[in-house]
All heavy atoms as atom14 arrays in JSON, in Angstrom:
{
  "sequence": "LTIMVLVAQFAYMPAWVSLIWLIMLLVIVWRYFYAALKPI",
  "atom14_mask": [
    [1, 1, 1, 1, 1, 1, 1, 1, 0, 0, 0, 0, 0, 0],
    [1, 1, 1, 1, 1, 1, 1, 0, 0, 0, 0, 0, 0, 0],
    [1, 1, 1, 1, 1, 1, 1, 1, 0, 0, 0, 0, 0, 0],
    [1, 1, 1, 1, 1, 1, 1, 1, 0, 0, 0, 0, 0, 0],
    [1, 1, 1, 1, 1, 1, 1, 0, 0, 0, 0, 0, 0, 0],
    [1, 1, 1, 1, 1, 1, 1, 1, 0, 0, 0, 0, 0, 0],
    [1, 1, 1, 1, 1, 1, 1, 0, 0, 0, 0, 0, 0, 0],
    [1, 1, 1, 1, 1, 0, 0, 0, 0, 0, 0, 0, 0, 0],
    [1, 1, 1, 1, 1, 1, 1, 1, 1, 0, 0, 0, 0, 0],
    [1, 1, 1, 1, 1, 1, 1, 1, 1, 1, 1, 0, 0, 0],
    [1, 1, 1, 1, 1, 0, 0, 0, 0, 0, 0, 0, 0, 0],
    [1, 1, 1, 1, 1, 1, 1, 1, 1, 1, 1, 1, 0, 0],
    [1, 1, 1, 1, 1, 1, 1, 1, 0, 0, 0, 0, 0, 0],
    [1, 1, 1, 1, 1, 1, 1, 0, 0, 0, 0, 0, 0, 0],
    [1, 1, 1, 1, 1, 0, 0, 0, 0, 0, 0, 0, 0, 0],
    [1, 1, 1, 1, 1, 1, 1, 1, 1, 1, 1, 1, 1, 1],
    [1, 1, 1, 1, 1, 1, 1, 0, 0, 0, 0, 0, 0, 0],
    [1, 1, 1, 1, 1, 1, 0, 0, 0, 0, 0, 0, 0, 0],
    [1, 1, 1, 1, 1, 1, 1, 1, 0, 0, 0, 0, 0, 0],
    [1, 1, 1, 1, 1, 1, 1, 1, 0, 0, 0, 0, 0, 0],
    [1, 1, 1, 1, 1, 1, 1, 1, 1, 1, 1, 1, 1, 1],
    [1, 1, 1, 1, 1, 1, 1, 1, 0, 0, 0, 0, 0, 0],
    [1, 1, 1, 1, 1, 1, 1, 1, 0, 0, 0, 0, 0, 0],
    [1, 1, 1, 1, 1, 1, 1, 1, 0, 0, 0, 0, 0, 0],
    [1, 1, 1, 1, 1, 1, 1, 1, 0, 0, 0, 0, 0, 0],
    [1, 1, 1, 1, 1, 1, 1, 1, 0, 0, 0, 0, 0, 0],
    [1, 1, 1, 1, 1, 1, 1, 0, 0, 0, 0, 0, 0, 0],
    [1, 1, 1, 1, 1, 1, 1, 1, 0, 0, 0, 0, 0, 0],
    [1, 1, 1, 1, 1, 1, 1, 0, 0, 0, 0, 0, 0, 0],
    [1, 1, 1, 1, 1, 1, 1, 1, 1, 1, 1, 1, 1, 1],
    [1, 1, 1, 1, 1, 1, 1, 1, 1, 1, 1, 0, 0, 0],
    [1, 1, 1, 1, 1, 1, 1, 1, 1, 1, 1, 1, 0, 0],
    [1, 1, 1, 1, 1, 1, 1, 1, 1, 1, 1, 0, 0, 0],
    [1, 1, 1, 1, 1, 1, 1, 1, 1, 1, 1, 1, 0, 0],
    [1, 1, 1, 1, 1, 0, 0, 0, 0, 0, 0, 0, 0, 0],
    [1, 1, 1, 1, 1, 0, 0, 0, 0, 0, 0, 0, 0, 0],
    [1, 1, 1, 1, 1, 1, 1, 1, 0, 0, 0, 0, 0, 0],
    [1, 1, 1, 1, 1, 1, 1, 1, 1, 0, 0, 0, 0, 0],
    [1, 1, 1, 1, 1, 1, 1, 0, 0, 0, 0, 0, 0, 0],
    [1, 1, 1, 1, 1, 1, 1, 1, 0, 0, 0, 0, 0, 0]
  ],
  "atom14_positions": [
    [[0.83, -1.21, 0.0], [0.0, 0.0, 0.0], [0.86, 1.26, 0.0], [0.66, 2.18, -0.81], [-0.93, -0.02, 1.22], [-1.71, 1.28, 1.49], [-2.66, 1.58, 0.34], [-2.45, 1.19, 2.81], [0.0, 0.0, 0.0], [0.0, 0.0, 0.0], [0.0, 0.0, 0.0], [0.0, 0.0, 0.0], [0.0, 0.0, 0.0], [0.0, 0.0, 0.0]],
    [[1.84, 1.31, 0.89], [2.7, 2.5, 0.98], [3.59, 2.63, -0.25], [3.88, 3.75, -0.69], [3.54, 2.42, 2.25], [4.21, 1.14, 2.31], [2.67, 2.58, 3.49], [0.0, 0.0, 0.0], [0.0, 0.0, 0.0], [0.0, 0.0, 0.0], [0.0, 0.0, 0.0], [0.0, 0.0, 0.0], [0.0, 0.0, 0.0], [0.0, 0.0, 0.0]],
    [[4.05, 1.53, -0.81], [4.87, 1.59, -2.02], [4.06, 2.15, -3.18], [4.53, 2.99, -3.95], [5.42, 0.19, -2.36], [6.44, -0.25, -1.3], [6.07, 0.18, -3.74], [6.92, -1.67, -1.46], [0.0, 0.0, 0.0], [0.0, 0.0, 0.0], [0.0, 0.0, 0.0], [0.0, 0.0, 0.0], [0.0, 0.0, 0.0], [0.0, 0.0, 0.0]],
    [[2.8, 1.69, -3.31], [1.95, 2.17, -4.4], [1.71, 3.68, -4.29], [1.77, 4.42, -5.28], [0.62, 1.42, -4.39], [-0.31, 1.75, -5.56], [-1.22, 3.33, -5.41], [-2.1, 3.07, -3.88], [0.0, 0.0, 0.0], [0.0, 0.0, 0.0], [0.0, 0.0, 0.0], [0.0, 0.0, 0.0], [0.0, 0.0, 0.0], [0.0, 0.0, 0.0]],
    [[1.45, 4.16, -3.07], [1.19, 5.58, -2.88], [2.4, 6.41, -3.27], [2.27, 7.48, -3.89], [0.79, 5.84, -1.41], [0.71, 7.34, -1.13], [-0.55, 5.18, -1.1], [0.0, 0.0, 0.0], [0.0, 0.0, 0.0], [0.0, 0.0, 0.0], [0.0, 0.0, 0.0], [0.0, 0.0, 0.0], [0.0, 0.0, 0.0], [0.0, 0.0, 0.0]],
    [[3.6, 5.93, -2.96], [4.82, 6.65, -3.33], [5.03, 6.65, -4.84], [5.31, 7.7, -5.44], [6.02, 6.02, -2.63], [7.39, 6.61, -2.99], [7.46, 8.09, -2.6], [8.51, 5.83, -2.34], [0.0, 0.0, 0.0], [0.0, 0.0, 0.0], [0.0, 0.0, 0.0], [0.0, 0.0, 0.0], [0.0, 0.0, 0.0], [0.0, 0.0, 0.0]],
    [[4.89, 5.5, -5.48], [5.13, 5.4, -6.92], [4.11, 6.22, -7.7], [4.44, 6.89, -8.68], [5.08, 3.92, -7.35], [5.14, 3.79, -8.87], [6.25, 3.15, -6.72], [0.0, 0.0, 0.0], [0.0, 0.0, 0.0], [0.0, 0.0, 0.0], [0.0, 0.0, 0.0], [0.0, 0.0, 0.0], [0.0, 0.0, 0.0], [0.0, 0.0, 0.0]],
    [[2.84, 6.2, -7.27], [1.79, 6.91, -8.0], [2.0, 8.41, -8.0], [1.56, 9.11, -8.91], [0.42, 6.57, -7.4], [0.0, 0.0, 0.0], [0.0, 0.0, 0.0], [0.0, 0.0, 0.0], [0.0, 0.0, 0.0], [0.0, 0.0, 0.0], [0.0, 0.0, 0.0], [0.0, 0.0, 0.0], [0.0, 0.0, 0.0], [0.0, 0.0, 0.0]],
    [[2.69, 8.94, -6.98], [2.88, 10.4, -6.88], [4.27, 10.85, -7.27], [4.58, 12.04, -7.2], [2.6, 10.86, -5.44], [1.19, 10.59, -4.97], [0.95, 11.2, -3.61], [0.66, 12.37, -3.47], [1.07, 10.38, -2.58], [0.0, 0.0, 0.0], [0.0, 0.0, 0.0], [0.0, 0.0, 0.0], [0.0, 0.0, 0.0], [0.0, 0.0, 0.0]],
    [[5.11, 9.93, -7.71], [6.51, 10.28, -7.98], [6.62, 11.36, -9.04], [7.48, 12.25, -8.95], [7.27, 9.02, -8.42], [8.74, 9.26, -8.64], [9.61, 9.34, -7.57], [9.26, 9.41, -9.91], [10.96, 9.57, -7.75], [10.6, 9.64, -10.13], [11.46, 9.72, -9.04], [0.0, 0.0, 0.0], [0.0, 0.0, 0.0], [0.0, 0.0, 0.0]],
    [[5.77, 11.31, -10.08], [5.86, 12.28, -11.18], [5.19, 13.61, -10.86], [5.34, 14.57, -11.62], [5.24, 11.69, -12.44], [0.0, 0.0, 0.0], [0.0, 0.0, 0.0], [0.0, 0.0, 0.0], [0.0, 0.0, 0.0], [0.0, 0.0, 0.0], [0.0, 0.0, 0.0], [0.0, 0.0, 0.0], [0.0, 0.0, 0.0], [0.0, 0.0, 0.0]],
    [[4.48, 13.7, -9.73], [3.72, 14.91, -9.42], [4.28, 15.68, -8.23], [3.8, 16.77, -7.94], [2.26, 14.55, -9.14], [1.59, 13.81, -10.28], [1.51, 12.42, -10.28], [1.07, 14.5, -11.37], [0.91, 11.74, -11.33], [0.48, 13.83, -12.41], [0.4, 12.44, -12.39], [-0.19, 11.77, -13.43], [0.0, 0.0, 0.0], [0.0, 0.0, 0.0]],
    [[5.26, 15.11, -7.55], [5.79, 15.75, -6.36], [7.25, 16.15, -6.56], [7.97, 15.51, -7.32], [5.68, 14.79, -5.15], [4.25, 14.59, -4.68], [3.54, 16.12, -4.02], [1.81, 15.67, -3.92], [0.0, 0.0, 0.0], [0.0, 0.0, 0.0], [0.0, 0.0, 0.0], [0.0, 0.0, 0.0], [0.0, 0.0, 0.0], [0.0, 0.0, 0.0]],
    [[7.71, 17.21, -5.87], [9.13, 17.57, -5.93], [10.02, 16.43, -5.44], [9.6, 15.6, -4.64], [9.21, 18.8, -5.0], [7.83, 19.34, -4.95], [6.92, 18.16, -5.08], [0.0, 0.0, 0.0], [0.0, 0.0, 0.0], [0.0, 0.0, 0.0], [0.0, 0.0, 0.0], [0.0, 0.0, 0.0], [0.0, 0.0, 0.0], [0.0, 0.0, 0.0]],
    [[11.25, 16.43, -5.92], [12.15, 15.31, -5.63], [12.43, 15.17, -4.14], [12.48, 14.05, -3.61], [13.46, 15.49, -6.4], [0.0, 0.0, 0.0], [0.0, 0.0, 0.0], [0.0, 0.0, 0.0], [0.0, 0.0, 0.0], [0.0, 0.0, 0.0], [0.0, 0.0, 0.0], [0.0, 0.0, 0.0], [0.0, 0.0, 0.0], [0.0, 0.0, 0.0]],
    [[12.59, 16.31, -3.43], [12.92, 16.22, -2.01], [11.75, 15.72, -1.16], [11.95, 15.09, -0.14], [13.41, 17.56, -1.49], [12.64, 18.74, -1.98], [11.49, 19.25, -1.45], [12.95, 19.56, -3.11], [11.05, 20.33, -2.17], [11.94, 20.56, -3.19], [13.98, 19.56, -4.05], [11.94, 21.52, -4.19], [13.97, 20.53, -5.04], [12.97, 21.49, -5.1]],
    [[10.52, 15.99, -1.61], [9.36, 15.45, -0.9], [9.29, 13.94, -1.09], [9.06, 13.18, -0.15], [8.06, 16.13, -1.37], [6.85, 15.49, -0.72], [8.1, 17.62, -1.08], [0.0, 0.0, 0.0], [0.0, 0.0, 0.0], [0.0, 0.0, 0.0], [0.0, 0.0, 0.0], [0.0, 0.0, 0.0], [0.0, 0.0, 0.0], [0.0, 0.0, 0.0]],
    [[9.51, 13.48, -2.34], [9.54, 12.04, -2.6], [10.66, 11.37, -1.83], [10.53, 10.22, -1.38], [9.69, 11.78, -4.1], [8.6, 12.32, -4.82], [0.0, 0.0, 0.0], [0.0, 0.0, 0.0], [0.0, 0.0, 0.0], [0.0, 0.0, 0.0], [0.0, 0.0, 0.0], [0.0, 0.0, 0.0], [0.0, 0.0, 0.0], [0.0, 0.0, 0.0]],
    [[11.79, 12.07, -1.66], [12.93, 11.49, -0.95], [12.61, 11.25, 0.52], [12.92, 10.19, 1.07], [14.15, 12.4, -1.09], [15.42, 11.92, -0.38], [15.86, 10.57, -0.91], [16.53, 12.95, -0.53], [0.0, 0.0, 0.0], [0.0, 0.0, 0.0], [0.0, 0.0, 0.0], [0.0, 0.0, 0.0], [0.0, 0.0, 0.0], [0.0, 0.0, 0.0]],
    [[11.98, 12.22, 1.17], [11.64, 12.03, 2.58], [10.59, 10.94, 2.74], [10.6, 10.19, 3.72], [11.16, 13.37, 3.22], [11.06, 13.23, 4.74], [9.84, 13.81, 2.64], [12.37, 12.99, 5.41], [0.0, 0.0, 0.0], [0.0, 0.0, 0.0], [0.0, 0.0, 0.0], [0.0, 0.0, 0.0], [0.0, 0.0, 0.0], [0.0, 0.0, 0.0]],
    [[9.67, 10.83, 1.76], [8.72, 9.73, 1.81], [9.42, 8.38, 1.64], [9.04, 7.4, 2.26], [7.67, 9.9, 0.7], [6.69, 10.97, 0.98], [6.49, 11.63, 2.16], [5.75, 11.53, 0.05], [5.51, 12.57, 2.03], [5.02, 12.54, 0.76], [5.46, 11.3, -1.28], [4.02, 13.28, 0.15], [4.46, 12.04, -1.89], [3.76, 13.03, -1.18]],
    [[10.44, 8.34, 0.78], [11.2, 7.1, 0.6], [11.89, 6.7, 1.9], [11.94, 5.51, 2.25], [12.22, 7.28, -0.52], [13.12, 6.07, -0.82], [12.29, 4.87, -1.23], [14.13, 6.42, -1.91], [0.0, 0.0, 0.0], [0.0, 0.0, 0.0], [0.0, 0.0, 0.0], [0.0, 0.0, 0.0], [0.0, 0.0, 0.0], [0.0, 0.0, 0.0]],
    [[12.42, 7.68, 2.62], [13.04, 7.38, 3.91], [12.02, 6.83, 4.89], [12.28, 5.84, 5.6], [13.71, 8.65, 4.48], [14.86, 9.08, 3.57], [14.2, 8.41, 5.9], [15.49, 10.4, 3.99], [0.0, 0.0, 0.0], [0.0, 0.0, 0.0], [0.0, 0.0, 0.0], [0.0, 0.0, 0.0], [0.0, 0.0, 0.0], [0.0, 0.0, 0.0]],
    [[10.84, 7.42, 4.92], [9.79, 6.92, 5.8], [9.35, 5.52, 5.38], [9.07, 4.67, 6.24], [8.6, 7.88, 5.78], [8.92, 9.29, 6.26], [7.53, 10.45, 6.17], [6.59, 9.95, 7.61], [0.0, 0.0, 0.0], [0.0, 0.0, 0.0], [0.0, 0.0, 0.0], [0.0, 0.0, 0.0], [0.0, 0.0, 0.0], [0.0, 0.0, 0.0]],
    [[9.33, 5.26, 4.07], [8.98, 3.92, 3.59], [10.02, 2.9, 4.01], [9.68, 1.77, 4.39], [8.82, 3.95, 2.07], [8.51, 2.62, 1.38], [7.21, 2.04, 1.91], [8.43, 2.8, -0.13], [0.0, 0.0, 0.0], [0.0, 0.0, 0.0], [0.0, 0.0, 0.0], [0.0, 0.0, 0.0], [0.0, 0.0, 0.0], [0.0, 0.0, 0.0]],
    [[11.3, 3.28, 3.95], [12.36, 2.36, 4.39], [12.23, 2.05, 5.88], [12.53, 0.93, 6.3], [13.72, 2.96, 4.07], [14.07, 3.1, 2.58], [15.42, 3.77, 2.4], [14.06, 1.73, 1.9], [0.0, 0.0, 0.0], [0.0, 0.0, 0.0], [0.0, 0.0, 0.0], [0.0, 0.0, 0.0], [0.0, 0.0, 0.0], [0.0, 0.0, 0.0]],
    [[11.79, 3.02, 6.65], [11.57, 2.77, 8.08], [10.44, 1.76, 8.26], [10.51, 0.87, 9.12], [11.26, 4.09, 8.81], [10.9, 3.82, 10.26], [12.46, 5.03, 8.74], [0.0, 0.0, 0.0], [0.0, 0.0, 0.0], [0.0, 0.0, 0.0], [0.0, 0.0, 0.0], [0.0, 0.0, 0.0], [0.0, 0.0, 0.0], [0.0, 0.0, 0.0]],
    [[9.39, 1.89, 7.47], [8.28, 0.93, 7.54], [8.77, -0.47, 7.18], [8.42, -1.46, 7.84], [7.14, 1.37, 6.6], [6.56, 2.71, 7.05], [6.04, 0.32, 6.55], [5.54, 3.3, 6.1], [0.0, 0.0, 0.0], [0.0, 0.0, 0.0], [0.0, 0.0, 0.0], [0.0, 0.0, 0.0], [0.0, 0.0, 0.0], [0.0, 0.0, 0.0]],
    [[9.58, -0.58, 6.13], [10.14, -1.88, 5.74], [11.03, -2.44, 6.84], [10.97, -3.64, 7.17], [10.93, -1.74, 4.42], [11.63, -3.06, 4.07], [10.0, -1.32, 3.28], [0.0, 0.0, 0.0], [0.0, 0.0, 0.0], [0.0, 0.0, 0.0], [0.0, 0.0, 0.0], [0.0, 0.0, 0.0], [0.0, 0.0, 0.0], [0.0, 0.0, 0.0]],
    [[11.85, -1.59, 7.44], [12.72, -2.04, 8.54], [11.89, -2.55, 9.72], [12.25, -3.55, 10.34], [13.6, -0.87, 8.98], [14.49, -1.21, 10.14], [15.68, -1.86, 10.11], [14.23, -0.92, 11.53], [16.18, -1.99, 11.38], [15.32, -1.43, 12.27], [13.19, -0.27, 12.2], [15.4, -1.3, 13.65], [13.26, -0.15, 13.58], [14.35, -0.66, 14.28]],
    [[10.8, -1.88, 10.0], [9.93, -2.34, 11.1], [9.38, -3.72, 10.82], [9.26, -4.55, 11.72], [8.77, -1.36, 11.29], [9.12, -0.11, 12.05], [7.91, 0.42, 12.77], [7.4, -0.52, 13.76], [6.23, -0.42, 14.37], [5.42, 0.58, 14.07], [5.84, -1.32, 15.24], [0.0, 0.0, 0.0], [0.0, 0.0, 0.0], [0.0, 0.0, 0.0]],
    [[9.03, -4.0, 9.57], [8.43, -5.3, 9.26], [9.47, -6.42, 9.37], [9.2, -7.47, 9.96], [7.84, -5.28, 7.85], [7.38, -6.65, 7.4], [6.2, -7.21, 7.92], [8.13, -7.41, 6.51], [5.79, -8.47, 7.53], [7.71, -8.67, 6.12], [6.54, -9.19, 6.63], [6.14, -10.44, 6.25], [0.0, 0.0, 0.0], [0.0, 0.0, 0.0]],
    [[10.65, -6.22, 8.81], [11.63, -7.31, 8.74], [12.45, -7.46, 10.02], [12.89, -8.57, 10.33], [12.58, -7.08, 7.57], [11.94, -7.37, 6.23], [11.52, -6.35, 5.41], [11.76, -8.68, 5.8], [10.93, -6.61, 4.19], [11.18, -8.96, 4.57], [10.76, -7.92, 3.77], [0.0, 0.0, 0.0], [0.0, 0.0, 0.0], [0.0, 0.0, 0.0]],
    [[12.66, -6.38, 10.75], [13.6, -6.47, 11.87], [13.02, -6.05, 13.21], [13.49, -6.5, 14.25], [14.84, -5.59, 11.59], [15.58, -6.01, 10.35], [15.47, -5.27, 9.19], [16.36, -7.16, 10.35], [16.15, -5.66, 8.04], [17.05, -7.56, 9.22], [16.93, -6.81, 8.06], [17.59, -7.2, 6.93], [0.0, 0.0, 0.0], [0.0, 0.0, 0.0]],
    [[12.03, -5.18, 13.24], [11.56, -4.68, 14.53], [10.06, -4.44, 14.52], [9.58, -3.39, 14.94], [12.3, -3.4, 14.89], [0.0, 0.0, 0.0], [0.0, 0.0, 0.0], [0.0, 0.0, 0.0], [0.0, 0.0, 0.0], [0.0, 0.0, 0.0], [0.0, 0.0, 0.0], [0.0, 0.0, 0.0], [0.0, 0.0, 0.0], [0.0, 0.0, 0.0]],
    [[9.31, -5.42, 14.04], [7.86, -5.24, 13.93], [7.2, -5.06, 15.29], [6.15, -4.43, 15.39], [7.25, -6.43, 13.2], [0.0, 0.0, 0.0], [0.0, 0.0, 0.0], [0.0, 0.0, 0.0], [0.0, 0.0, 0.0], [0.0, 0.0, 0.0], [0.0, 0.0, 0.0], [0.0, 0.0, 0.0], [0.0, 0.0, 0.0], [0.0, 0.0, 0.0]],
    [[7.81, -5.62, 16.35], [7.19, -5.55, 17.67], [7.79, -4.44, 18.53], [7.38, -4.27, 19.68], [7.34, -6.9, 18.39], [6.68, -8.09, 17.67], [6.93, -9.37, 18.46], [5.2, -7.87, 17.48], [0.0, 0.0, 0.0], [0.0, 0.0, 0.0], [0.0, 0.0, 0.0], [0.0, 0.0, 0.0], [0.0, 0.0, 0.0], [0.0, 0.0, 0.0]],
    [[8.77, -3.71, 17.99], [9.41, -2.65, 18.77], [8.93, -1.28, 18.29], [8.95, -1.0, 17.09], [10.93, -2.74, 18.63], [11.52, -4.04, 19.15], [13.02, -4.07, 18.96], [13.61, -5.38, 19.45], [15.08, -5.42, 19.24], [0.0, 0.0, 0.0], [0.0, 0.0, 0.0], [0.0, 0.0, 0.0], [0.0, 0.0, 0.0], [0.0, 0.0, 0.0]],
    [[8.52, -0.43, 19.19], [8.08, 0.9, 18.77], [9.24, 1.77, 18.31], [10.36, 1.64, 18.8], [7.42, 1.46, 20.04], [8.1, 0.74, 21.16], [8.4, -0.64, 20.65], [0.0, 0.0, 0.0], [0.0, 0.0, 0.0], [0.0, 0.0, 0.0], [0.0, 0.0, 0.0], [0.0, 0.0, 0.0], [0.0, 0.0, 0.0], [0.0, 0.0, 0.0]],
    [[8.97, 2.66, 17.38], [9.96, 3.59, 16.89], [10.07, 4.76, 17.87], [9.07, 5.18, 18.47], [9.58, 4.1, 15.49], [9.55, 2.93, 14.5], [10.54, 5.16, 15.0], [10.89, 2.28, 14.27], [0.0, 0.0, 0.0], [0.0, 0.0, 0.0], [0.0, 0.0, 0.0], [0.0, 0.0, 0.0], [0.0, 0.0, 0.0], [0.0, 0.0, 0.0]]
  ]
}
């Protein structure tokens, strides 16, 4: 879901906004694979 939202808006948003969203997406991925039960 989060990957789709990022990809769908990539062509409509400034690069730095997409970049911060990518960082937030990587945090979501990290939570799933390594720390799903630990709060950020």
